[in-house]
Protein backbone atom coordinates (compact mmCIF):
# COMPACT_ATOMS: atom_id res chain seq x y z
CA MET A 1 29.82 22.64 15.46
CA ASP A 2 31.70 21.24 12.37
CA THR A 3 28.75 22.04 10.20
CA LEU A 4 29.12 25.52 11.61
CA LEU A 5 32.54 25.68 10.70
CA ILE A 6 32.68 24.18 7.49
CA LEU A 7 29.62 26.80 6.45
CA LEU A 8 31.67 30.21 8.19
CA GLY A 9 35.06 28.99 5.63
CA LEU A 10 32.84 28.59 3.04
CA LEU A 11 31.12 32.33 3.62
CA LEU A 12 34.57 33.61 4.15
CA ILE A 13 36.07 32.09 1.19
CA LEU A 14 33.09 33.42 -1.20
CA ALA A 15 33.15 36.87 0.50
CA GLY A 16 37.16 36.97 -0.24
CA TYR A 17 36.37 36.11 -3.86
CA ALA A 18 33.67 38.14 -4.15
CA TRP A 19 35.72 41.30 -2.71
CA LEU A 20 38.57 39.91 -5.62
CA ILE A 21 35.93 40.48 -8.41
CA MET A 22 35.31 44.07 -7.12
CA GLN A 23 39.02 45.21 -7.28
CA ALA A 24 39.43 43.85 -10.65
CA PHE A 25 36.17 45.55 -12.03
CA GLY A 26 37.79 49.09 -10.20
CA ARG A 27 41.02 48.55 -12.12
CA SER A 28 38.92 47.68 -15.51
CA LEU A 29 35.97 46.35 -16.70
CA PHE A 30 38.22 43.66 -19.13
CA TRP A 31 39.83 42.49 -15.59
CA GLY A 32 36.56 42.50 -13.56
CA VAL A 33 34.77 40.07 -16.38
CA ALA A 34 37.98 38.10 -16.76
CA SER A 35 38.10 37.76 -12.85
CA LEU A 36 34.62 35.93 -13.08
CA LEU A 37 36.52 32.69 -14.39
CA PRO A 38 38.69 31.44 -11.12
CA PRO A 39 41.49 30.99 -13.46
CA LEU A 40 41.83 34.39 -14.76
CA ALA A 41 40.75 35.57 -11.31
CA LEU A 42 44.55 33.84 -10.41
CA VAL A 43 45.89 36.12 -13.04
CA PHE A 44 44.77 39.31 -11.91
CA MET A 45 45.83 38.34 -8.15
CA LEU A 46 49.58 38.03 -9.46
CA ARG A 47 49.46 40.86 -11.74
CA HIS A 48 47.82 43.14 -9.07
CA TRP A 49 49.03 41.86 -5.58
CA ARG A 50 48.48 45.22 -4.19
CA HIS A 51 45.12 45.63 -4.98
CA ALA A 52 43.78 41.85 -4.58
CA ARG A 53 45.71 40.92 -1.48
CA GLY A 54 43.09 41.61 1.21
CA ALA A 55 40.46 39.86 -0.93
CA VAL A 56 43.23 36.74 -0.71
CA VAL A 57 43.58 37.23 2.95
CA LEU A 58 39.65 37.02 4.05
CA GLY A 59 39.86 34.08 1.39
CA GLY A 60 42.83 32.30 3.48
CA LEU A 61 41.29 33.08 6.60
CA GLY A 62 38.15 31.07 5.95
CA CYS A 63 40.61 28.05 4.96
CA ILE A 64 41.40 27.73 8.69
CA PRO A 65 37.62 27.24 10.03
CA LEU A 66 36.92 24.88 6.74
CA VAL A 67 39.89 22.67 7.37
CA VAL A 68 39.16 22.56 10.89
CA GLY A 69 35.37 21.50 10.02
CA LEU A 70 36.47 18.83 7.78
CA THR A 71 38.78 17.27 10.07
CA LEU A 72 36.21 17.09 12.95
CA LEU A 73 33.79 15.75 10.45
CA ALA A 74 36.04 13.33 9.14
CA VAL A 75 36.47 12.28 13.01
CA HIS A 76 33.13 11.66 14.22
CA ASP A 77 31.01 10.94 10.86
CA SER A 78 33.60 9.41 7.87
CA ALA A 79 30.51 8.56 5.79
CA ARG A 80 29.26 11.72 5.71
CA LEU A 81 32.25 13.38 4.85
CA GLU A 82 32.81 10.94 1.96
CA ALA A 83 29.62 11.74 0.44
CA ILE A 84 30.44 15.42 0.82
CA LEU A 85 33.60 14.50 -1.05
CA ARG A 86 31.94 12.61 -3.62
CA LEU A 87 28.89 15.57 -4.08
CA GLU A 88 26.27 12.74 -3.19
CA TRP A 89 24.30 15.86 -2.15
CA LEU A 90 24.12 17.12 -5.87
CA ARG A 91 22.48 13.70 -7.04
CA PRO A 92 18.71 13.47 -6.99
CA GLU A 93 17.31 11.12 -3.91
CA PRO A 94 16.05 8.07 -5.13
CA ALA A 95 12.42 7.58 -4.91
CA VAL A 96 10.70 5.67 -1.96
CA LYS A 97 9.13 2.30 -2.88
CA PRO A 98 5.68 2.07 -0.85
CA GLU A 99 4.85 -0.50 0.90
CA LEU A 100 1.77 -1.26 -0.96
CA ALA A 101 1.00 -1.18 -4.71
CA ILE A 102 -2.06 1.21 -4.26
CA GLN A 103 -3.23 2.14 -7.72
CA LEU A 104 -6.08 4.13 -6.99
CA ARG A 105 -7.45 7.52 -8.61
CA GLY A 106 -10.19 9.35 -7.94
CA GLU A 107 -11.49 12.42 -6.05
CA LEU A 108 -12.83 12.90 -2.33
CA ASN A 109 -15.04 15.61 -1.40
CA GLY A 110 -13.95 17.19 -4.90
CA LYS A 111 -10.36 17.02 -4.04
CA PRO A 112 -7.98 14.42 -5.91
CA PHE A 113 -7.31 11.54 -3.61
CA ALA A 114 -4.31 9.05 -3.99
CA PRO A 115 -3.98 6.52 -0.92
CA GLU A 116 -1.00 5.89 0.76
CA GLN A 117 -2.24 3.55 3.74
CA ALA A 118 -4.63 0.40 3.31
CA ASP A 119 -5.80 -1.82 5.57
CA LEU A 120 -8.56 -4.44 6.00
CA ILE A 121 -8.72 -5.14 10.08
CA ASP A 122 -11.41 -6.45 12.31
CA GLY A 123 -14.05 -5.79 9.53
CA VAL A 124 -13.25 -2.09 8.36
CA LEU A 125 -11.60 -1.19 5.24
CA SER A 126 -9.52 1.98 5.17
CA LEU A 127 -7.81 4.10 2.66
CA ARG A 128 -5.88 6.84 3.87
CA GLU A 129 -4.00 9.76 2.56
CA GLY A 130 -1.68 11.41 4.98
CA GLN A 131 0.85 10.41 7.90
CA ASP A 132 -0.55 12.24 10.63
CA PHE A 133 -2.62 11.41 13.57
CA TYR A 134 -5.64 12.25 11.36
CA ALA A 135 -5.55 11.24 7.85
CA HIS A 136 -6.12 14.39 5.48
CA ARG A 137 -8.72 12.13 3.26
CA GLU A 138 -9.65 9.14 4.58
CA VAL A 139 -12.48 6.25 3.57
CA ARG A 140 -13.61 3.74 5.97
CA ILE A 141 -15.98 1.01 4.72
CA ARG A 142 -17.37 -1.13 7.71
CA LEU A 143 -18.51 -4.32 6.48
CA PRO A 144 -21.59 -5.65 8.30
CA ALA A 145 -20.08 -9.28 8.87
CA PRO A 146 -16.78 -10.98 9.80
CA VAL A 147 -14.56 -11.10 6.96
CA ALA A 148 -12.18 -14.49 6.79
CA THR A 149 -9.20 -12.76 4.96
CA GLU A 150 -7.12 -16.09 4.60
CA LYS A 151 -10.09 -16.38 1.83
CA PRO A 152 -11.33 -14.47 -1.22
CA LEU A 153 -13.72 -11.63 -0.54
CA ARG A 154 -16.02 -10.55 -3.37
CA LEU A 155 -19.15 -7.94 -2.71
CA ASP A 156 -20.89 -5.72 -4.94
CA VAL A 157 -23.57 -3.03 -3.59
CA LEU A 158 -25.91 -1.02 -6.08
CA PRO A 159 -27.39 2.13 -5.03
CA ASN A 160 -31.47 0.72 -5.02
CA ASP A 161 -30.02 -2.15 -2.81
CA ALA A 162 -31.46 -2.63 0.57
CA GLY A 163 -31.27 -5.04 3.61
CA THR A 164 -27.89 -4.97 6.07
CA LEU A 165 -25.23 -3.08 4.14
CA PRO A 166 -21.52 -1.61 4.58
CA GLU A 167 -21.28 1.80 6.24
CA VAL A 168 -19.20 3.89 4.17
CA GLU A 169 -17.62 7.05 6.11
CA ILE A 170 -15.64 9.80 4.37
CA SER A 171 -13.75 12.26 6.24
CA TRP A 172 -11.42 15.04 5.02
CA LEU A 173 -9.18 17.80 7.42
CA ALA A 174 -9.64 21.50 6.12
CA THR A 175 -7.36 23.97 5.69
CA GLY A 176 -6.99 25.62 9.46
CA GLN A 177 -8.90 22.93 10.97
CA ASP A 178 -7.66 20.74 13.63
CA LEU A 179 -10.33 18.25 13.80
CA PRO A 180 -11.55 16.47 10.65
CA GLU A 181 -15.21 16.42 8.96
CA ALA A 182 -17.12 13.45 8.35
CA VAL A 183 -19.98 11.93 6.63
CA ARG A 184 -21.49 8.69 6.58
CA LEU A 185 -23.59 6.50 4.23
CA ALA A 186 -25.59 3.11 4.72
CA ARG A 187 -26.94 3.18 1.54
CA GLY A 188 -27.48 4.78 -2.01
CA TYR A 189 -23.81 3.84 -3.30
CA SER A 190 -22.00 1.70 -5.53
CA LEU A 191 -19.24 -0.71 -4.45
CA HIS A 192 -17.41 -3.34 -6.24
CA LEU A 193 -14.96 -5.35 -4.04
CA ASP A 194 -12.77 -8.15 -5.58
CA LEU A 195 -10.27 -9.07 -2.99
CA ALA A 196 -7.62 -11.91 -3.02
CA PRO A 197 -5.18 -13.12 -0.09
CA GLU A 198 -1.47 -13.04 -0.27
CA ALA A 199 1.02 -14.08 1.88
CA PRO A 200 1.61 -13.47 4.37
CA ASN A 201 -0.77 -10.77 5.79
CA ARG A 202 -2.28 -8.91 2.36
CA MET A 203 -4.84 -8.97 0.50
CA ALA A 204 -5.09 -7.56 -3.50
CA GLY A 205 -7.32 -6.74 -6.25
CA VAL A 206 -10.20 -4.35 -7.65
CA PHE A 207 -11.78 -1.50 -5.82
CA HIS A 208 -14.58 0.75 -7.14
CA LEU A 209 -16.78 3.12 -4.98
CA VAL A 210 -19.00 5.37 -6.27
CA LEU A 211 -21.11 7.82 -3.78
CA PRO A 212 -24.01 10.33 -4.57
CA ALA A 213 -23.24 13.10 -7.03
CA GLN A 214 -23.38 16.01 -4.13
CA MET A 215 -20.49 14.12 -2.20
CA ARG A 216 -18.19 14.48 -4.91
CA THR A 217 -16.76 11.23 -4.14
CA THR A 218 -15.45 8.45 -6.60
CA LEU A 219 -12.55 5.94 -6.39
CA SER A 220 -11.69 3.41 -8.60
CA GLY A 221 -8.59 0.93 -9.47
CA LYS A 222 -5.98 -1.67 -7.90
CA VAL A 223 -5.83 -2.03 -4.08
CA GLU A 224 -3.31 -3.99 -2.24
CA LEU A 225 -3.98 -3.66 1.90
CA TYR A 226 -2.80 -5.32 4.87
CA THR A 227 -4.78 -7.35 7.10
CA ASN A 228 -2.97 -6.96 10.62
CA TYR A 229 -0.47 -4.79 12.37
CA LEU A 230 2.52 -7.35 11.24
CA ARG A 231 5.16 -6.12 9.29
CA TYR A 232 7.57 -8.58 7.47
CA ARG A 233 11.71 -7.61 6.59
CA ASP A 234 13.19 -10.51 4.98
CA GLY A 235 10.38 -12.75 5.15
CA GLN A 236 10.40 -12.58 9.04
CA VAL A 237 8.25 -10.60 11.24
CA ASP A 238 9.91 -7.09 11.90
CA THR A 239 9.60 -6.82 15.85
CA ARG A 240 10.91 -3.43 15.73
CA VAL A 241 7.44 -2.17 14.70
CA ASP A 242 5.27 -0.69 17.43
CA SER A 243 1.87 -2.52 17.34
CA GLN A 244 -0.41 -4.61 19.56
CA ASP A 245 0.11 -7.88 16.55
CA THR A 246 3.78 -7.22 16.95
CA LEU A 247 3.87 -7.89 20.81
CA ALA A 248 1.28 -10.79 20.65
CA TYR A 249 3.69 -12.52 17.92
CA VAL A 250 6.88 -11.55 20.48
CA LEU A 251 4.81 -13.12 23.41
CA LEU A 252 3.40 -16.26 21.63
CA ASP A 253 6.90 -17.02 20.00
CA TYR A 254 8.33 -17.09 23.32
CA LEU A 255 5.93 -19.40 25.14
CA GLN A 256 6.36 -21.89 22.14
CA ARG A 257 9.99 -22.35 22.80
CA ARG A 258 9.41 -22.13 26.58
CA PHE A 259 7.24 -25.09 26.46
CA ALA A 260 8.95 -26.61 23.43
CA ARG A 261 4.88 -27.56 21.60
CA ARG A 262 3.28 -25.78 18.80
CA ASP A 263 -0.59 -26.35 20.46
CA ILE A 264 -0.68 -22.88 22.59
CA GLU A 265 -3.23 -20.48 22.48
CA LEU A 266 -2.71 -16.71 23.86
CA GLY A 267 -5.38 -15.04 25.43
CA ARG A 268 -6.72 -11.03 24.95
CA LEU A 269 -3.82 -8.87 25.80
CA PRO A 270 -4.39 -5.61 27.79
CA ARG A 271 -4.05 -2.32 26.01
CA LEU A 272 -0.65 -1.77 25.78
CA ASP A 273 1.56 1.73 25.47
CA THR A 274 4.13 0.63 23.05
CA SER A 275 5.99 4.31 23.49
CA ARG A 276 7.45 3.17 26.40
CA PRO A 277 10.53 0.67 26.41
CA GLN A 278 9.86 -1.62 28.90
CA LEU A 279 6.07 -3.18 29.75
CA GLU A 280 5.23 -5.67 32.19
CA VAL A 281 2.58 -7.90 30.86
CA PRO A 282 -0.01 -10.18 32.68
CA VAL A 283 -0.18 -12.97 30.02
CA SER A 284 -3.11 -15.83 30.09
CA PHE A 285 -2.59 -18.58 27.45
CA SER A 286 -3.43 -22.17 27.49
CA VAL A 287 -0.98 -25.33 26.73
CA GLY A 288 -2.77 -28.06 25.45
CA GLY A 289 -6.16 -27.06 26.46
CA GLU A 290 -4.72 -26.32 30.22
CA PRO A 291 -5.37 -22.54 31.07
CA GLN A 292 -2.26 -20.57 32.26
CA SER A 293 -1.31 -17.45 33.27
CA VAL A 294 2.54 -15.68 33.55
CA SER A 295 3.72 -12.21 33.57
CA LEU A 296 6.35 -11.39 31.73
CA THR A 297 8.55 -8.04 30.73
CA LEU A 298 8.80 -7.15 27.24
CA ALA A 299 11.53 -4.75 26.50
CA LYS A 300 12.59 -2.75 23.02
CA THR A 301 15.99 -2.14 21.82
CA ALA A 302 16.97 -0.61 18.75
CA THR A 303 18.47 -3.54 17.11
CA ARG A 304 16.43 -6.06 17.66
CA GLY A 305 13.18 -4.84 18.58
CA TRP A 306 10.90 -6.28 21.13
CA GLY A 307 11.32 -9.21 23.04
CA VAL A 308 11.10 -10.94 26.24
CA LYS A 309 13.17 -9.85 28.84
CA GLY A 310 15.29 -13.10 30.05
CA ASP A 311 14.51 -15.09 26.69
CA ARG A 312 17.49 -17.73 26.53
CA TYR A 313 14.94 -20.85 24.94
CA PRO A 314 16.04 -22.03 21.46
CA SER A 315 14.46 -22.18 18.25
CA LEU A 316 11.58 -24.57 18.61
CA VAL A 317 12.18 -27.54 16.74
CA ASP A 318 9.54 -29.30 15.12
CA ASN A 319 9.29 -32.76 15.15
CA PRO A 320 10.23 -34.36 11.83
CA LYS A 321 7.98 -36.68 10.02
CA PRO A 322 9.37 -40.73 10.27
CA ALA A 323 10.67 -41.95 6.86
CA PRO A 324 8.22 -44.44 5.33
CA ALA A 325 8.65 -47.69 6.04
CA GLN A 326 10.42 -49.76 3.11
CA PRO A 327 7.73 -52.61 2.08
CA SER A 328 9.26 -56.08 2.91
CA THR A 329 9.29 -58.72 -0.18
CA GLN A 330 7.73 -61.00 2.14
CA PRO A 331 5.78 -60.24 5.42
CA ALA A 332 7.52 -61.36 8.54
CA GLU A 333 4.92 -63.03 9.88
CA ALA A 334 4.48 -65.12 6.60
CA ALA A 335 8.12 -66.03 7.19
CA GLY A 336 7.42 -67.45 10.33
CA GLN A 337 9.69 -64.58 11.95
CA PRO A 338 8.39 -62.17 15.24
CA PRO A 339 8.02 -58.96 13.97
CA VAL A 340 11.48 -56.62 15.00
CA ALA A 341 10.95 -55.12 18.54
CA PRO A 342 11.95 -51.01 18.41
CA GLU A 343 15.58 -50.70 19.88
CA ILE A 344 16.37 -50.15 23.49
CA GLY A 345 19.64 -49.63 25.71
CA GLN A 346 22.46 -47.90 25.17
CA VAL A 347 22.97 -45.28 22.27
CA SER A 348 26.23 -42.93 21.14
CA MET A 349 25.56 -39.71 20.87
CA PRO A 350 27.69 -39.65 17.23
CA ARG A 351 25.16 -42.05 15.92
CA LEU A 352 22.66 -39.84 17.41
CA GLN A 353 23.69 -36.97 15.57
CA ALA A 354 23.82 -38.67 12.56
CA ALA A 355 20.19 -39.69 12.28
CA PRO A 356 18.27 -38.07 14.84
CA GLU A 357 14.87 -38.58 13.16
CA ARG A 358 15.43 -42.06 13.52
CA PHE A 359 15.37 -41.55 17.45
CA ALA A 360 12.31 -38.94 17.29
CA ASN A 361 9.53 -39.20 19.99
CA ARG A 362 11.26 -42.54 21.79
CA HIS A 363 11.86 -42.35 25.61
CA MET A 364 15.54 -41.99 27.04
CA ARG A 365 17.24 -41.36 29.49
CA VAL A 366 20.39 -38.96 29.36
CA GLN A 367 23.45 -38.53 32.08
CA THR A 368 25.53 -35.73 31.91
CA GLU A 369 29.01 -34.93 33.36
CA GLN A 370 27.21 -32.95 36.36
CA GLY A 371 25.65 -36.11 37.76
CA ARG A 372 21.98 -34.58 36.22
CA THR A 373 19.86 -37.29 34.40
CA ALA A 374 17.32 -36.20 31.68
CA ASP A 375 14.46 -38.26 31.22
CA GLY A 376 11.61 -37.94 28.62
CA THR A 377 10.60 -37.96 24.80
CA PHE A 378 13.47 -36.76 22.71
CA VAL A 379 12.23 -33.92 19.95
CA GLY A 380 15.23 -33.60 18.03
CA LEU A 381 18.44 -31.62 17.64
CA ASP A 382 17.57 -27.52 17.85
CA GLY A 383 19.61 -25.34 15.45
CA ASP A 384 22.79 -25.17 17.37
CA GLY A 385 23.05 -29.13 17.65
CA ARG A 386 21.68 -29.28 20.92
CA LEU A 387 19.61 -32.36 22.47
CA VAL A 388 15.99 -31.19 23.19
CA ILE A 389 14.16 -33.60 25.60
CA ARG A 390 10.78 -33.00 26.77
CA HIS A 391 9.55 -34.14 30.14
CA SER A 392 5.99 -34.25 31.29
CA LEU A 393 5.37 -32.73 34.40
CA SER A 394 3.43 -34.58 37.25
CA GLY A 395 1.04 -31.32 37.44
CA ALA A 396 -0.48 -29.78 33.75
CA GLY A 397 1.96 -28.55 31.36
CA GLU A 398 5.76 -30.09 30.23
CA ALA A 399 9.35 -28.99 30.81
CA SER A 400 12.03 -28.67 28.32
CA TYR A 401 15.88 -30.44 28.75
CA VAL A 402 18.46 -28.16 26.11
CA LEU A 403 21.49 -30.07 26.34
CA ARG A 404 24.85 -29.61 24.65
CA PRO A 405 26.37 -32.82 23.26
CA SER A 406 29.84 -32.07 25.37
CA GLU A 407 27.96 -32.46 28.51
CA VAL A 408 26.63 -35.68 27.69
CA VAL A 409 28.09 -38.64 29.16
CA SER A 410 25.43 -41.48 28.17
CA ILE A 411 21.97 -42.03 26.01
CA GLU A 412 20.09 -44.97 27.18
CA LEU A 413 16.76 -45.67 24.91
CA LEU A 414 13.83 -46.78 27.27
CA ALA A 415 10.79 -49.01 26.20
CA GLN A 416 7.91 -46.80 25.59
């Protein structure tokens, strides 16, 4: 509504100004040419008010919807109004930096081909041009053997090579067609790949492809490609991206924090519909080699992306490495002294907070002010300074206690 009012006001003002110029030309050629400049048009308006008043009234009427529209815009979207007043709409938009540094040039089926997307997933290297469901032009290379994307990949194929070779497929969407045309080639082409892994989930290197002359397809240059469907933002996985890999990452991270351990293997997930805001997922996994299963609910929000519903588990704290023992100038046995036994008994909370690594992996019993007892292995302090104690269950699996320092009454170190 505010935009329509602003446009209506501007149109009325322009119509009034055009009418004013027409009146000026009606008086004389001099006044008509002079009125093309707004300051001189104001002089004509003052000198010939009887002829100019109709145009001025029309322009004044245009100011009413213009002011109302700007007022509504200031209430609902002040940032947009500020951008309009700063004339930012006149500035050219900054060029969008592509996600991947792809410097490939060539042609596909005789047409210029400049890929915008590239990935190497499940042994298939794909180079795509276009963001639609069907790529405008695409090259797909199916490698004959599984590829370890954490290692360098080098591959050379010549037209006369025999044996099991990668299969090359090119496809293009012709004008007026709904489905792309595709051609596959098993041999008779030249291919050179020299890719090196780059953290966290990319490979980069040299790419050259030359198909038989009748296919009019060549591609050469440097390429950077993804090795899975995870995307990163500020060094962290962007959980707002809709992909199967994103959901698998969210589930594995949740299970690791829930059981407070890293040795969790996630089973194969069913194909999930990421277009839905909430998903019920049956999850199979193993904890320390023991198979387990659970049903979890995945939900997506605009700000935080995908997450497990009801997730309140703290960040996982890895066990700190014990500090190396300082060598003694004289062995205890040589000095006739018995070895020092591990400390047991009561320990204060300030002492534990000052040096938590000293008590890592120690068996302890913690009493809380509610009368509860947490008996287990001390893991460490989480990011919020809370105690994390791991307790082995009678059956398979483990449980973790997360206690705030303010609710702890006593801490007792027990014998291992």
